[in-house]
Structure formats: C-alpha cells, structure tokens
Amino acid sequence: MELHAGNTRSALVREERQCCSPRMAFDHDAPRPAGSVLLLRNGDKGIEVFMVVRHQESSFGAGALVFPGGRVDSGDHAIAEQPDLCPDPSGLDAAAMSYRVAAIRETFEECGILLARSRGSTDFIEAARLQEIEASQRAPLCQGEISFADVLAVEGLELATDVLVPYAHWITPRHMTKRFDTLFFAALAPAGHVGAHDGTESVDSIWITPGRALAEAEAGHRKLMFPTWLTLQKLGQCGSAEAAIEAARATAPVPVAPELLGTEGGAATFRVPAEAGYGGEVFRMMAPA
C-alpha cells in the first residue's frame, strides 16, 4: 500500500478501525484479537528489540522467542472506554484501542516495562517509580488478584497508547486450532526501563539485534515462529530504533494470513501478500532443530 505523507496518519487510524471492529472483537468464529509490542532501543551493534522465551508448556508458541504480547480480554475493553485511564487523541474506538491496552498490559506482565505516564504528565514514569510499581503490583496482576485497571487507578497512571505505532498485522491461518488476529506495535523503550521476564509465561528474556536473533535461530539455538521470523527480517533493515518508528509511521500494515504451501526437508514454505512489504511473496523457513 502506498501512502502520501499528507494522509498517512488518517490511513493508519482507518486501518486500525477496520481490523479491530466490534464484530471482530466478539465473534467466536473469528480469530481472537491480540496485541504485541516491539520495544526498541539503540545498542552498540545497532537496533535492539526486547524479546522473551515462551514457557515450554505454553499453549501457543511453546519455547519460542517472541515479542511480548497476548490476547485482548474484557478488562482491556473496559479500560479502552475510560478516557481517564486511556486518553485517545487519535479518535480510535474502544474495540481498536483495546488492542493497544492489551499490548501494554501484557508487556508489563511479561517483562516489567510499562508504557504509562502519571496523569496529566507528558513523560513516561521514571525507572525508580517503575520499580516501585512493579514490586507492589506486577505479581498480584499476573496472579489475577487485581486487575490492570486497579493498577492504573491506585498508581494514578494513564496509558501511553499514543506511542504505539502499528508495525505488522498477522492472522493465524484457518487450518490451525488456536488462532489470533494480532496487531504488532513498535515503540521506543522508555529510558531506564530494562525489562525482565516473569518466570511463568516467559522463562527468559533478552535485548537482541534482529540479525543475532535470526542467526541464532538458523543455527538451531532459537525457535522462531514464521511471523516473528519475517518481522525480524524487516526490522533488521532499519539502521536505528528511530528509523524503524518512522518507517512504521509511513505505511499502514497490511493484514497477513500466511498460506502454507508445503513442507519438505524440515522446512515449511509460506506465501504472504507482496504488498505486505516483506520483500517477496514466497518464503522458505527451516523448522527448529
């Protein structure tokens, strides 16, 4: 999809509204809505992204190196409808905004990074404040003892949904039993927010360059799912975290439901839309050793 500079923002908003309609959010025959975040920073060897390793007993992506994220739940919808917790200068409806809420919530649960501000502030919460919030709120939230709305209310926070830039849109193919309609957002990691896995859903975490993640997967040391593999390839073409954000702002993500063409010799061949911007249509990916 080609967009002129003058209409890029409106096109991005329109894309989110279309893919996050209320019908999509509640239709039991549709893939489950989910949100994920590519947290970016600049390292000594170039752009780095924060990733976690799923638990081997996870029902989806077991043992895989993934970007933090998860499915949208009813609490995310409720937060999306509360302007004091989730201010929205972009005009997205609650169904679309709930993807962003879920992405931020899951990122806090899985890696302890919270894209939020004190109410009325324009700055992210500082690292010292984050440590206090994490120490008192993260475990109870992960254990279901409190809700994410409770965390925001008690701590006087509002979500920084405006920093999330749509980066990719993947839909699990129909032949798979567990399906998700996932919006991947890119965001610059707040200064001082280091991140650490929760030890439950995720068992390891790392700041890593896209090139290293891909190389380790090719060597059999990492397990990558196909959407993650292609997204890392695309991300690796950017020279800096800021460049990746600007590239994402320039183009609305094309929904991709990969078509499995076949498997042979330990590799799977997939087709994706050429207009999705991954540098081709047909890709062959080796399965993890």
Foldseek 3Di string as FASTA:
>chain_A
DADDPVCLLVVQLVVLCVLQPPCQCPPPVHAFEKEFEFAWAADPVFIWTKWFAFDQPDPPNRRATGTFMDGQDPLLLVQLPDCQAEPDPSPHHSSSSSNLSRHQLRQCQFWLAHQKDQGPDPAGDDLVVSVVLCVVPRVCCNVVVDDPVVSCVVSRIHGPSVQWFFQAWEWEAPVDPHIYTYTYTYGHGHPNRDIFGNCHRTNGMDTGQLVVQLVCQVVLNHFHDPVRNLSSQVVNVARHSVRSRVVSSRDHADYWHWDFPDDDDQKTKIATDPVRPSPHGIDIGHGRD
